[in-house]
PDB file of N, CA and C in Angstrom:
ATOM      1  N   MET A   1      18.375  11.277  -3.373  1.00  0.00           N
ATOM      2  CA  MET A   1      17.194  11.632  -2.126  1.00  0.00           C
ATOM      3  C   MET A   1      15.732  12.244  -2.193  1.00  0.00           C
ATOM      4  N   ALA A   2      14.551  11.331  -1.823  1.00  0.00           N
ATOM      5  CA  ALA A   2      13.240  12.179  -2.655  1.00  0.00           C
ATOM      6  C   ALA A   2      12.944  13.091  -1.517  1.00  0.00           C
ATOM      7  N   PRO A   3      12.307  14.279  -2.497  1.00  0.00           N
ATOM      8  CA  PRO A   3      11.764  15.119  -1.476  1.00  0.00           C
ATOM      9  C   PRO A   3      10.687  14.901  -0.317  1.00  0.00           C
ATOM     10  N   GLU A   4      10.291  15.736   0.580  1.00  0.00           N
ATOM     11  CA  GLU A   4       9.703  15.286   2.043  1.00  0.00           C
ATOM     12  C   GLU A   4       8.135  15.654   1.358  1.00  0.00           C
ATOM     13  N   GLN A   5       7.219  14.417   1.920  1.00  0.00           N
ATOM     14  CA  GLN A   5       6.088  14.897   1.363  1.00  0.00           C
ATOM     15  C   GLN A   5       5.077  15.514   2.527  1.00  0.00           C
ATOM     16  N   LEU A   6       4.844  16.444   2.092  1.00  0.00           N
ATOM     17  CA  LEU A   6       3.780  17.249   3.388  1.00  0.00           C
ATOM     18  C   LEU A   6       2.358  16.778   3.657  1.00  0.00           C
ATOM     19  N   LEU A   7       2.275  16.774   4.827  1.00  0.00           N
ATOM     20  CA  LEU A   7       0.894  16.094   4.960  1.00  0.00           C
ATOM     21  C   LEU A   7      -0.090  17.068   5.046  1.00  0.00           C
ATOM     22  N   ARG A   8      -0.984  17.121   4.787  1.00  0.00           N
ATOM     23  CA  ARG A   8      -2.183  18.324   4.398  1.00  0.00           C
ATOM     24  C   ARG A   8      -3.270  17.942   5.638  1.00  0.00           C
ATOM     25  N   ALA A   9      -3.529  18.845   6.786  1.00  0.00           N
ATOM     26  CA  ALA A   9      -4.794  18.482   7.384  1.00  0.00           C
ATOM     27  C   ALA A   9      -5.718  18.777   6.920  1.00  0.00           C
ATOM     28  N   ARG A  10      -6.836  17.813   7.241  1.00  0.00           N
ATOM     29  CA  ARG A  10      -8.236  17.680   7.249  1.00  0.00           C
ATOM     30  C   ARG A  10      -8.762  17.531   8.161  1.00  0.00           C
ATOM     31  N   PRO A  11      -9.434  18.844   8.403  1.00  0.00           N
ATOM     32  CA  PRO A  11     -10.612  18.667   9.748  1.00  0.00           C
ATOM     33  C   PRO A  11     -11.592  18.378   9.837  1.00  0.00           C
ATOM     34  N   ALA A  12     -12.392  17.375  10.310  1.00  0.00           N
ATOM     35  CA  ALA A  12     -13.588  16.282  10.159  1.00  0.00           C
ATOM     36  C   ALA A  12     -14.605  16.520  10.691  1.00  0.00           C
ATOM     37  N   HIS A  13     -14.623  17.902  11.609  1.00  0.00           N
ATOM     38  CA  HIS A  13     -15.532  18.374  12.733  1.00  0.00           C
ATOM     39  C   HIS A  13     -14.657  19.786  13.453  1.00  0.00           C
ATOM     40  N   ILE A  14     -15.753  20.234  13.938  1.00  0.00           N
ATOM     41  CA  ILE A  14     -15.521  21.453  14.762  1.00  0.00           C
ATOM     42  C   ILE A  14     -14.573  21.200  15.672  1.00  0.00           C
ATOM     43  N   PRO A  15     -14.298  22.435  16.331  1.00  0.00           N
ATOM     44  CA  PRO A  15     -13.134  21.859  17.583  1.00  0.00           C
ATOM     45  C   PRO A  15     -14.014  21.013  18.266  1.00  0.00           C
ATOM     46  N   GLY A  16     -13.214  20.409  19.409  1.00  0.00           N
ATOM     47  CA  GLY A  16     -13.646  19.463  20.042  1.00  0.00           C
ATOM     48  C   GLY A  16     -13.564  18.312  20.155  1.00  0.00           C
ATOM     49  N   PRO A  17     -14.019  17.287  21.132  1.00  0.00           N
ATOM     50  CA  PRO A  17     -13.439  16.186  20.359  1.00  0.00           C
ATOM     51  C   PRO A  17     -14.117  14.872  19.557  1.00  0.00           C
ATOM     52  N   THR A  18     -13.514  14.520  18.435  1.00  0.00           N
ATOM     53  CA  THR A  18     -13.333  13.969  17.650  1.00  0.00           C
ATOM     54  C   THR A  18     -13.339  12.001  17.756  1.00  0.00           C
ATOM     55  N   PHE A  19     -14.460  11.305  17.211  1.00  0.00           N
ATOM     56  CA  PHE A  19     -13.975   9.853  17.414  1.00  0.00           C
ATOM     57  C   PHE A  19     -14.665   9.703  16.238  1.00  0.00           C
ATOM     58  N   LEU A  20     -13.460   8.610  16.163  1.00  0.00           N
ATOM     59  CA  LEU A  20     -13.021   7.480  14.968  1.00  0.00           C
ATOM     60  C   LEU A  20     -13.322   6.090  15.250  1.00  0.00           C
ATOM     61  N   THR A  21     -13.313   5.226  13.774  1.00  0.00           N
ATOM     62  CA  THR A  21     -13.119   3.927  13.856  1.00  0.00           C
ATOM     63  C   THR A  21     -13.183   3.699  12.522  1.00  0.00           C
ATOM     64  N   TYR A  22     -12.391   2.726  12.689  1.00  0.00           N
ATOM     65  CA  TYR A  22     -12.232   1.889  10.749  1.00  0.00           C
ATOM     66  C   TYR A  22     -13.087   0.766  10.698  1.00  0.00           C
ATOM     67  N   THR A  23     -13.075   0.119   9.327  1.00  0.00           N
ATOM     68  CA  THR A  23     -14.013  -0.763   9.353  1.00  0.00           C
ATOM     69  C   THR A  23     -13.096  -1.470   9.134  1.00  0.00           C
ATOM     70  N   PRO A  24     -13.836  -3.091   9.811  1.00  0.00           N
ATOM     71  CA  PRO A  24     -12.500  -4.203   9.724  1.00  0.00           C
ATOM     72  C   PRO A  24     -11.812  -4.265   8.230  1.00  0.00           C
ATOM     73  N   ASN A  25     -12.416  -3.997   7.417  1.00  0.00           N
ATOM     74  CA  ASN A  25     -11.616  -4.540   6.374  1.00  0.00           C
ATOM     75  C   ASN A  25     -10.659  -3.043   6.114  1.00  0.00           C
ATOM     76  N   GLY A  26     -10.632  -2.186   6.865  1.00  0.00           N
ATOM     77  CA  GLY A  26      -9.630  -0.864   6.503  1.00  0.00           C
ATOM     78  C   GLY A  26     -10.240  -0.035   5.012  1.00  0.00           C
ATOM     79  N   ARG A  27     -11.150  -0.551   4.757  1.00  0.00           N
ATOM     80  CA  ARG A  27     -11.546   0.821   3.583  1.00  0.00           C
ATOM     81  C   ARG A  27     -12.443   1.153   4.168  1.00  0.00           C
ATOM     82  N   LYS A  28     -12.748   1.988   5.135  1.00  0.00           N
ATOM     83  CA  LYS A  28     -13.338   2.957   5.245  1.00  0.00           C
ATOM     84  C   LYS A  28     -12.930   3.798   7.105  1.00  0.00           C
ATOM     85  N   LEU A  29     -12.612   4.950   7.128  1.00  0.00           N
ATOM     86  CA  LEU A  29     -12.717   5.925   8.039  1.00  0.00           C
ATOM     87  C   LEU A  29     -13.606   6.114   8.574  1.00  0.00           C
ATOM     88  N   ILE A  30     -14.620   6.334  10.081  1.00  0.00           N
ATOM     89  CA  ILE A  30     -15.490   6.762   9.705  1.00  0.00           C
ATOM     90  C   ILE A  30     -15.081   7.457  11.254  1.00  0.00           C
ATOM     91  N   THR A  31     -15.646   8.916  10.765  1.00  0.00           N
ATOM     92  CA  THR A  31     -15.689  10.289  11.966  1.00  0.00           C
ATOM     93  C   THR A  31     -16.854  10.497  12.586  1.00  0.00           C
ATOM     94  N   ALA A  32     -17.056  11.402  13.974  1.00  0.00           N
ATOM     95  CA  ALA A  32     -18.253  11.692  14.391  1.00  0.00           C
ATOM     96  C   ALA A  32     -17.346  12.559  15.747  1.00  0.00           C
ATOM     97  N   GLY A  33     -18.133  14.095  15.849  1.00  0.00           N
ATOM     98  CA  GLY A  33     -17.516  14.889  16.515  1.00  0.00           C
ATOM     99  C   GLY A  33     -19.053  15.435  17.403  1.00  0.00           C
ATOM    100  N   LEU A  34     -18.573  16.757  17.939  1.00  0.00           N
ATOM    101  CA  LEU A  34     -19.928  17.200  18.447  1.00  0.00           C
ATOM    102  C   LEU A  34     -20.685  17.863  17.392  1.00  0.00           C
ATOM    103  N   ASN A  35     -20.614  18.119  16.166  1.00  0.00           N
ATOM    104  CA  ASN A  35     -21.518  18.892  15.250  1.00  0.00           C
ATOM    105  C   ASN A  35     -22.585  17.254  14.774  1.00  0.00           C
ATOM    106  N   ASN A  36     -23.585  17.794  14.404  1.00  0.00           N
ATOM    107  CA  ASN A  36     -24.554  16.930  13.953  1.00  0.00           C
ATOM    108  C   ASN A  36     -24.379  16.745  12.578  1.00  0.00           C
ATOM    109  N   ALA A  37     -22.744  16.011  12.255  1.00  0.00           N
ATOM    110  CA  ALA A  37     -22.754  15.497  10.816  1.00  0.00           C
ATOM    111  C   ALA A  37     -21.311  14.386  11.226  1.00  0.00           C
ATOM    112  N   ILE A  38     -21.585  12.991  10.398  1.00  0.00           N
ATOM    113  CA  ILE A  38     -20.935  12.177  10.272  1.00  0.00           C
ATOM    114  C   ILE A  38     -20.016  12.225   8.825  1.00  0.00           C
ATOM    115  N   ARG A  39     -18.667  11.491   9.137  1.00  0.00           N
ATOM    116  CA  ARG A  39     -17.887  11.673   8.030  1.00  0.00           C
ATOM    117  C   ARG A  39     -17.440  10.323   7.463  1.00  0.00           C
ATOM    118  N   VAL A  40     -17.432   9.878   6.474  1.00  0.00           N
ATOM    119  CA  VAL A  40     -17.002   8.158   5.973  1.00  0.00           C
ATOM    120  C   VAL A  40     -16.056   8.484   4.683  1.00  0.00           C
ATOM    121  N   PHE A  41     -15.056   8.874   5.053  1.00  0.00           N
ATOM    122  CA  PHE A  41     -13.898   9.112   4.214  1.00  0.00           C
ATOM    123  C   PHE A  41     -13.313   7.395   3.597  1.00  0.00           C
ATOM    124  N   PRO A  42     -13.132   7.400   2.217  1.00  0.00           N
ATOM    125  CA  PRO A  42     -12.014   6.282   1.691  1.00  0.00           C
ATOM    126  C   PRO A  42     -10.998   5.904   2.005  1.00  0.00           C
ATOM    127  N   SER A  43     -10.559   5.040   2.452  1.00  0.00           N
ATOM    128  CA  SER A  43      -8.940   4.807   2.947  1.00  0.00           C
ATOM    129  C   SER A  43      -8.306   5.082   1.519  1.00  0.00           C
ATOM    130  N   GLY A  44      -6.821   5.569   1.964  1.00  0.00           N
ATOM    131  CA  GLY A  44      -5.944   5.732   1.032  1.00  0.00           C
ATOM    132  C   GLY A  44      -6.393   6.554  -0.149  1.00  0.00           C
ATOM    133  N   SER A  45      -7.175   7.129  -0.236  1.00  0.00           N
ATOM    134  CA  SER A  45      -7.806   8.392  -1.079  1.00  0.00           C
ATOM    135  C   SER A  45      -7.861   9.979  -0.752  1.00  0.00           C
ATOM    136  N   ASP A  46      -7.634  10.527  -1.784  1.00  0.00           N
ATOM    137  CA  ASP A  46      -7.571  12.024  -1.517  1.00  0.00           C
ATOM    138  C   ASP A  46      -9.187  12.668  -1.758  1.00  0.00           C
ATOM    139  N   ALA A  47      -9.912  11.801  -1.826  1.00  0.00           N
ATOM    140  CA  ALA A  47     -11.495  12.036  -2.270  1.00  0.00           C
ATOM    141  C   ALA A  47     -12.209  12.672  -1.144  1.00  0.00           C
ATOM    142  N   GLU A  48     -13.178  13.696  -1.143  1.00  0.00           N
ATOM    143  CA  GLU A  48     -14.138  13.806  -0.455  1.00  0.00           C
ATOM    144  C   GLU A  48     -14.993  12.917   0.567  1.00  0.00           C
ATOM    145  N   PRO A  49     -14.935  12.728   1.515  1.00  0.00           N
ATOM    146  CA  PRO A  49     -15.601  11.948   2.424  1.00  0.00           C
ATOM    147  C   PRO A  49     -17.270  12.245   2.312  1.00  0.00           C
ATOM    148  N   THR A  50     -17.787  11.305   2.295  1.00  0.00           N
ATOM    149  CA  THR A  50     -19.066  11.520   2.229  1.00  0.00           C
ATOM    150  C   THR A  50     -20.010  11.523   3.857  1.00  0.00           C
ATOM    151  N   ASN A  51     -20.763  12.608   3.787  1.00  0.00           N
ATOM    152  CA  ASN A  51     -21.598  13.032   4.962  1.00  0.00           C
ATOM    153  C   ASN A  51     -22.753  12.521   5.143  1.00  0.00           C
ATOM    154  N   ILE A  52     -22.819  12.318   6.203  1.00  0.00           N
ATOM    155  CA  ILE A  52     -24.421  11.919   6.708  1.00  0.00           C
ATOM    156  C   ILE A  52     -24.830  12.889   7.909  1.00  0.00           C
ATOM    157  N   ASP A  53     -26.111  13.886   7.629  1.00  0.00           N
ATOM    158  CA  ASP A  53     -26.217  15.064   8.158  1.00  0.00           C
ATOM    159  C   ASP A  53     -27.699  14.806   8.911  1.00  0.00           C
ATOM    160  N   ASP A  54     -28.058  13.311   8.837  1.00  0.00           N
ATOM    161  CA  ASP A  54     -29.535  12.948   9.499  1.00  0.00           C
ATOM    162  C   ASP A  54     -28.671  12.424  10.986  1.00  0.00           C
ATOM    163  N   CYS A  55     -28.183  12.790  12.029  1.00  0.00           N
ATOM    164  CA  CYS A  55     -27.765  12.126  13.031  1.00  0.00           C
ATOM    165  C   CYS A  55     -27.703  13.279  14.295  1.00  0.00           C
ATOM    166  N   GLN A  56     -27.402  12.302  14.998  1.00  0.00           N
ATOM    167  CA  GLN A  56     -27.273  13.164  16.666  1.00  0.00           C
ATOM    168  C   GLN A  56     -26.175  14.309  16.746  1.00  0.00           C
ATOM    169  N   GLU A  57     -26.064  15.335  17.628  1.00  0.00           N
ATOM    170  CA  GLU A  57     -25.177  16.258  17.782  1.00  0.00           C
ATOM    171  C   GLU A  57     -24.751  15.552  18.972  1.00  0.00           C
ATOM    172  N   SER A  58     -23.065  16.183  19.182  1.00  0.00           N
ATOM    173  CA  SER A  58     -22.320  15.756  20.427  1.00  0.00           C
ATOM    174  C   SER A  58     -21.943  14.012  20.583  1.00  0.00           C
ATOM    175  N   ASN A  59     -21.628  13.501  19.477  1.00  0.00           N
ATOM    176  CA  ASN A  59     -21.159  12.275  19.758  1.00  0.00           C
ATOM    177  C   ASN A  59     -20.319  11.977  20.269  1.00  0.00           C
ATOM    178  N   THR A  60     -20.172  10.933  21.110  1.00  0.00           N
ATOM    179  CA  THR A  60     -19.212  10.237  21.927  1.00  0.00           C
ATOM    180  C   THR A  60     -18.501   8.936  21.882  1.00  0.00           C
ATOM    181  N   ALA A  61     -19.115   7.781  21.354  1.00  0.00           N
ATOM    182  CA  ALA A  61     -18.616   7.162  20.504  1.00  0.00           C
ATOM    183  C   ALA A  61     -18.781   6.081  19.451  1.00  0.00           C
ATOM    184  N   ILE A  62     -18.546   5.691  18.713  1.00  0.00           N
ATOM    185  CA  ILE A  62     -18.300   4.964  17.846  1.00  0.00           C
ATOM    186  C   ILE A  62     -17.629   3.325  17.215  1.00  0.00           C
ATOM    187  N   VAL A  63     -18.358   2.659  16.439  1.00  0.00           N
ATOM    188  CA  VAL A  63     -17.887   1.308  16.214  1.00  0.00           C
ATOM    189  C   VAL A  63     -18.759   0.773  14.805  1.00  0.00           C
ATOM    190  N   ALA A  64     -17.499   0.331  13.987  1.00  0.00           N
ATOM    191  CA  ALA A  64     -18.324  -0.461  12.751  1.00  0.00           C
ATOM    192  C   ALA A  64     -17.494  -1.821  12.714  1.00  0.00           C
ATOM    193  N   THR A  65     -18.650  -2.573  11.360  1.00  0.00           N
ATOM    194  CA  THR A  65     -18.501  -3.468  10.796  1.00  0.00           C
ATOM    195  C   THR A  65     -18.223  -2.853   9.642  1.00  0.00           C
ATOM    196  N   ASN A  66     -17.969  -4.077   8.666  1.00  0.00           N
ATOM    197  CA  ASN A  66     -18.099  -3.764   7.343  1.00  0.00           C
ATOM    198  C   ASN A  66     -18.876  -3.367   6.754  1.00  0.00           C
ATOM    199  N   ASP A  67     -20.446  -3.748   7.091  1.00  0.00           N
ATOM    200  CA  ASP A  67     -21.370  -3.465   6.583  1.00  0.00           C
ATOM    201  C   ASP A  67     -22.333  -1.937   7.152  1.00  0.00           C
ATOM    202  N   PHE A  68     -22.219  -1.866   8.511  1.00  0.00           N
ATOM    203  CA  PHE A  68     -22.752  -0.614   9.197  1.00  0.00           C
ATOM    204  C   PHE A  68     -21.890   0.096  10.607  1.00  0.00           C
ATOM    205  N   PHE A  69     -22.452   1.013  11.101  1.00  0.00           N
ATOM    206  CA  PHE A  69     -21.690   1.462  11.827  1.00  0.00           C
ATOM    207  C   PHE A  69     -22.907   2.017  13.070  1.00  0.00           C
ATOM    208  N   ILE A  70     -22.468   2.202  14.550  1.00  0.00           N
ATOM    209  CA  ILE A  70     -23.041   2.662  15.410  1.00  0.00           C
ATOM    210  C   ILE A  70     -22.551   3.810  16.129  1.00  0.00           C
ATOM    211  N   THR A  71     -22.976   4.404  16.800  1.00  0.00           N
ATOM    212  CA  THR A  71     -22.913   5.774  16.930  1.00  0.00           C
ATOM    213  C   THR A  71     -23.503   5.843  18.280  1.00  0.00           C
ATOM    214  N   GLY A  72     -22.816   6.680  19.609  1.00  0.00           N
ATOM    215  CA  GLY A  72     -23.669   6.944  20.669  1.00  0.00           C
ATOM    216  C   GLY A  72     -23.135   8.209  20.991  1.00  0.00           C
ATOM    217  N   SER A  73     -24.201   8.860  21.723  1.00  0.00           N
ATOM    218  CA  SER A  73     -24.215  10.655  22.063  1.00  0.00           C
ATOM    219  C   SER A  73     -24.525  11.005  23.369  1.00  0.00           C
ATOM    220  N   GLU A  74     -24.739  12.268  23.307  1.00  0.00           N
ATOM    221  CA  GLU A  74     -24.487  12.973  24.467  1.00  0.00           C
ATOM    222  C   GLU A  74     -25.675  12.800  24.870  1.00  0.00           C
ATOM    223  N   ASP A  75     -26.704  13.335  24.604  1.00  0.00           N
ATOM    224  CA  ASP A  75     -28.267  12.884  24.416  1.00  0.00           C
ATOM    225  C   ASP A  75     -28.986  11.471  25.167  1.00  0.00           C
ATOM    226  N   GLY A  76     -27.870  10.218  24.983  1.00  0.00           N
ATOM    227  CA  GLY A  76     -28.099   9.073  25.129  1.00  0.00           C
ATOM    228  C   GLY A  76     -28.636   8.087  24.380  1.00  0.00           C
ATOM    229  N   THR A  77     -28.641   8.551  22.998  1.00  0.00           N
ATOM    230  CA  THR A  77     -29.088   7.845  21.405  1.00  0.00           C
ATOM    231  C   THR A  77     -27.866   7.053  21.456  1.00  0.00           C
ATOM    232  N   VAL A  78     -28.307   5.596  20.829  1.00  0.00           N
ATOM    233  CA  VAL A  78     -27.317   4.704  19.930  1.00  0.00           C
ATOM    234  C   VAL A  78     -28.023   4.671  19.325  1.00  0.00           C
ATOM    235  N   CYS A  79     -27.538   4.696  18.209  1.00  0.00           N
ATOM    236  CA  CYS A  79     -27.684   4.948  16.577  1.00  0.00           C
ATOM    237  C   CYS A  79     -27.074   3.799  15.695  1.00  0.00           C
ATOM    238  N   LYS A  80     -27.564   2.682  14.601  1.00  0.00           N
ATOM    239  CA  LYS A  80     -27.239   1.960  13.914  1.00  0.00           C
ATOM    240  C   LYS A  80     -27.331   2.874  12.122  1.00  0.00           C
ATOM    241  N   TYR A  81     -26.331   2.836  11.377  1.00  0.00           N
ATOM    242  CA  TYR A  81     -26.226   3.453   9.828  1.00  0.00           C
ATOM    243  C   TYR A  81     -25.850   2.235   8.978  1.00  0.00           C
ATOM    244  N   SER A  82     -26.008   2.741   7.875  1.00  0.00           N
ATOM    245  CA  SER A  82     -26.172   1.444   6.849  1.00  0.00           C
ATOM    246  C   SER A  82     -25.138   2.263   6.160  1.00  0.00           C
ATOM    247  N   LEU A  83     -23.756   1.135   5.889  1.00  0.00           N
ATOM    248  CA  LEU A  83     -22.444   2.077   5.190  1.00  0.00           C
ATOM    249  C   LEU A  83     -23.108   1.725   3.997  1.00  0.00           C
ATOM    250  N   GLU A  84     -23.994   0.965   3.466  1.00  0.00           N
ATOM    251  CA  GLU A  84     -24.219   0.891   1.983  1.00  0.00           C
ATOM    252  C   GLU A  84     -25.033   1.823   1.283  1.00  0.00           C
ATOM    253  N   ASN A  85     -25.703   2.775   2.418  1.00  0.00           N
ATOM    254  CA  ASN A  85     -26.465   3.788   1.670  1.00  0.00           C
ATOM    255  C   ASN A  85     -26.153   5.029   2.549  1.00  0.00           C
ATOM    256  N   ASN A  86     -25.383   4.641   3.311  1.00  0.00           N
ATOM    257  CA  ASN A  86     -24.700   5.481   4.372  1.00  0.00           C
ATOM    258  C   ASN A  86     -25.857   6.947   4.952  1.00  0.00           C
ATOM    259  N   SER A  87     -26.856   5.979   5.705  1.00  0.00           N
ATOM    260  CA  SER A  87     -28.186   6.466   6.056  1.00  0.00           C
ATOM    261  C   SER A  87     -28.839   5.677   7.441  1.00  0.00           C
ATOM    262  N   LEU A  88     -29.365   6.907   8.295  1.00  0.00           N
ATOM    263  CA  LEU A  88     -29.596   6.393   9.286  1.00  0.00           C
ATOM    264  C   LEU A  88     -30.437   4.887   9.433  1.00  0.00           C
ATOM    265  N   ASP A  89     -30.286   3.884   9.685  1.00  0.00           N
ATOM    266  CA  ASP A  89     -30.695   2.671   9.556  1.00  0.00           C
ATOM    267  C   ASP A  89     -32.196   2.482  10.995  1.00  0.00           C
ATOM    268  N   GLN A  90     -31.319   2.712  12.411  1.00  0.00           N
ATOM    269  CA  GLN A  90     -32.538   2.788  13.433  1.00  0.00           C
ATOM    270  C   GLN A  90     -32.128   3.112  14.418  1.00  0.00           C
ATOM    271  N   ILE A  91     -32.495   3.165  15.770  1.00  0.00           N
ATOM    272  CA  ILE A  91     -32.400   3.686  17.226  1.00  0.00           C
ATOM    273  C   ILE A  91     -32.187   2.616  17.801  1.00  0.00           C
ATOM    274  N   LEU A  92     -31.400   2.079  18.348  1.00  0.00           N
ATOM    275  CA  LEU A  92     -31.333   0.912  18.831  1.00  0.00           C
ATOM    276  C   LEU A  92     -31.734   0.847  20.461  1.00  0.00           C
ATOM    277  N   VAL A  93     -30.926   2.224  21.098  1.00  0.00           N
ATOM    278  CA  VAL A  93     -31.699   2.523  22.741  1.00  0.00           C
ATOM    279  C   VAL A  93     -31.609   3.807  22.805  1.00  0.00           C
ATOM    280  N   ARG A  94     -32.201   4.118  23.747  1.00  0.00           N
ATOM    281  CA  ARG A  94     -32.010   5.581  24.561  1.00  0.00           C
ATOM    282  C   ARG A  94     -31.685   5.784  26.009  1.00  0.00           C
ATOM    283  N   CYS A  95     -30.954   5.988  26.212  1.00  0.00           N
ATOM    284  CA  CYS A  95     -30.472   6.302  28.039  1.00  0.00           C
ATOM    285  C   CYS A  95     -30.615   7.822  28.403  1.00  0.00           C
ATOM    286  N   THR A  96     -30.821   7.579  29.706  1.00  0.00           N
ATOM    287  CA  THR A  96     -31.386   8.931  30.092  1.00  0.00           C
ATOM    288  C   THR A  96     -29.991   9.779  30.412  1.00  0.00           C
ATOM    289  N   LEU A  97     -29.027   9.338  30.258  1.00  0.00           N
ATOM    290  CA  LEU A  97     -27.545  10.184  30.400  1.00  0.00           C
ATOM    291  C   LEU A  97     -26.920   9.920  29.109  1.00  0.00           C
ATOM    292  N   PRO A  98     -25.746  10.426  29.274  1.00  0.00           N
ATOM    293  CA  PRO A  98     -24.711   9.999  27.651  1.00  0.00           C
ATOM    294  C   PRO A  98     -24.152   8.811  27.654  1.00  0.00           C
ATOM    295  N   ILE A  99     -24.091   8.287  26.692  1.00  0.00           N
ATOM    296  CA  ILE A  99     -23.385   7.462  26.179  1.00  0.00           C
ATOM    297  C   ILE A  99     -21.795   7.586  26.449  1.00  0.00           C
ATOM    298  N   ARG A 100     -20.701   6.994  26.931  1.00  0.00           N
ATOM    299  CA  ARG A 100     -19.720   7.170  27.024  1.00  0.00           C
ATOM    300  C   ARG A 100     -18.692   6.211  26.464  1.00  0.00           C
ATOM    301  N   ASP A 101     -19.337   4.749  25.511  1.00  0.00           N
ATOM    302  CA  ASP A 101     -18.091   3.951  24.905  1.00  0.00           C
ATOM    303  C   ASP A 101     -19.477   2.643  24.705  1.00  0.00           C
ATOM    304  N   LEU A 102     -19.101   2.365  23.366  1.00  0.00           N
ATOM    305  CA  LEU A 102     -19.781   1.269  22.701  1.00  0.00           C
ATOM    306  C   LEU A 102     -18.538   0.090  22.120  1.00  0.00           C
ATOM    307  N   ALA A 103     -18.794  -0.823  22.133  1.00  0.00           N
ATOM    308  CA  ALA A 103     -18.233  -2.227  21.805  1.00  0.00           C
ATOM    309  C   ALA A 103     -19.067  -3.182  21.057  1.00  0.00           C
ATOM    310  N   LEU A 104     -18.693  -3.442  19.929  1.00  0.00           N
ATOM    311  CA  LEU A 104     -19.618  -4.839  19.104  1.00  0.00           C
ATOM    312  C   LEU A 104     -18.907  -5.880  19.796  1.00  0.00           C
ATOM    313  N   SER A 105     -19.456  -7.015  19.664  1.00  0.00           N
ATOM    314  CA  SER A 105     -19.034  -8.322  19.802  1.00  0.00           C
ATOM    315  C   SER A 105     -18.329  -8.765  18.001  1.00  0.00           C
ATOM    316  N   PRO A 106     -17.650  -9.826  18.109  1.00  0.00           N
ATOM    317  CA  PRO A 106     -16.784 -10.199  17.124  1.00  0.00           C
ATOM    318  C   PRO A 106     -17.705 -10.275  15.997  1.00  0.00           C
ATOM    319  N   ASP A 107     -18.460 -10.728  15.705  1.00  0.00           N
ATOM    320  CA  ASP A 107     -19.226 -11.025  15.030  1.00  0.00           C
ATOM    321  C   ASP A 107     -20.266 -10.224  14.253  1.00  0.00           C
ATOM    322  N   GLY A 108     -20.436  -8.665  15.478  1.00  0.00           N
ATOM    323  CA  GLY A 108     -21.066  -8.125  14.995  1.00  0.00           C
ATOM    324  C   GLY A 108     -22.704  -8.007  15.254  1.00  0.00           C
ATOM    325  N   ASN A 109     -23.225  -9.108  15.782  1.00  0.00           N
ATOM    326  CA  ASN A 109     -24.490  -9.082  16.268  1.00  0.00           C
ATOM    327  C   ASN A 109     -24.873  -8.579  17.767  1.00  0.00           C
ATOM    328  N   TRP A 110     -23.874  -8.399  18.271  1.00  0.00           N
ATOM    329  CA  TRP A 110     -24.167  -7.306  19.863  1.00  0.00           C
ATOM    330  C   TRP A 110     -23.706  -6.334  20.257  1.00  0.00           C
ATOM    331  N   VAL A 111     -24.118  -5.403  20.844  1.00  0.00           N
ATOM    332  CA  VAL A 111     -23.696  -3.950  20.490  1.00  0.00           C
ATOM    333  C   VAL A 111     -23.663  -3.842  22.160  1.00  0.00           C
ATOM    334  N   ALA A 112     -22.508  -3.366  23.024  1.00  0.00           N
ATOM    335  CA  ALA A 112     -22.333  -3.198  24.932  1.00  0.00           C
ATOM    336  C   ALA A 112     -22.183  -1.617  24.716  1.00  0.00           C
ATOM    337  N   VAL A 113     -23.158  -1.195  25.550  1.00  0.00           N
ATOM    338  CA  VAL A 113     -23.206   0.123  25.431  1.00  0.00           C
ATOM    339  C   VAL A 113     -23.042   0.473  26.799  1.00  0.00           C
ATOM    340  N   ALA A 114     -22.081   1.446  27.152  1.00  0.00           N
ATOM    341  CA  ALA A 114     -22.010   1.866  28.443  1.00  0.00           C
ATOM    342  C   ALA A 114     -21.922   3.848  28.519  1.00  0.00           C
ATOM    343  N   SER A 115     -23.681   3.827  29.574  1.00  0.00           N
ATOM    344  CA  SER A 115     -23.645   5.041  29.601  1.00  0.00           C
ATOM    345  C   SER A 115     -23.484   5.798  31.149  1.00  0.00           C
ATOM    346  N   GLU A 116     -23.754   6.716  31.571  1.00  0.00           N
ATOM    347  CA  GLU A 116     -23.602   7.448  32.757  1.00  0.00           C
ATOM    348  C   GLU A 116     -24.813   7.207  34.065  1.00  0.00           C
ATOM    349  N   GLN A 117     -26.009   6.150  32.985  1.00  0.00           N
ATOM    350  CA  GLN A 117     -27.081   6.017  33.572  1.00  0.00           C
ATOM    351  C   GLN A 117     -26.757   4.853  34.891  1.00  0.00           C
ATOM    352  N   VAL A 118     -27.664   4.678  35.580  1.00  0.00           N
ATOM    353  CA  VAL A 118     -27.437   4.100  36.979  1.00  0.00           C
ATOM    354  C   VAL A 118     -28.511   3.243  37.039  1.00  0.00           C
ATOM    355  N   GLN A 119     -28.479   1.793  37.137  1.00  0.00           N
ATOM    356  CA  GLN A 119     -29.828   1.106  36.910  1.00  0.00           C
ATOM    357  C   GLN A 119     -30.237   1.364  38.825  1.00  0.00           C
ATOM    358  N   GLN A 120     -31.496   0.970  39.506  1.00  0.00           N
ATOM    359  CA  GLN A 120     -32.027   1.411  40.128  1.00  0.00           C
ATOM    360  C   GLN A 120     -33.142   0.304  40.916  1.00  0.00           C
TER     361      GLN A 120
END
């Protein structure tokens, strides 16, 4: 009988909600939380993640393609980041209230943004 393998915890962010997504090809796991850091973990590896520190605090949503990912935050900002150079690519939109969810079209060309903002 093989010995049991123990799982080792690797906290990605400070205590609180953490949001995560895999790239469609499964090669990267991207996490965002309450602190102003995004972490990109290589799948199937024990290597340390890449940290992206140029981001909003209190992230509330995240989606990804194989080339980029998009985050939404409590301050109403939706940002696009490059996975090629692990940096902020552009701010896509700003809402007056928090972002609650994001969804990408299958081709990755459109992002749907759910916010607490109500049109009048």
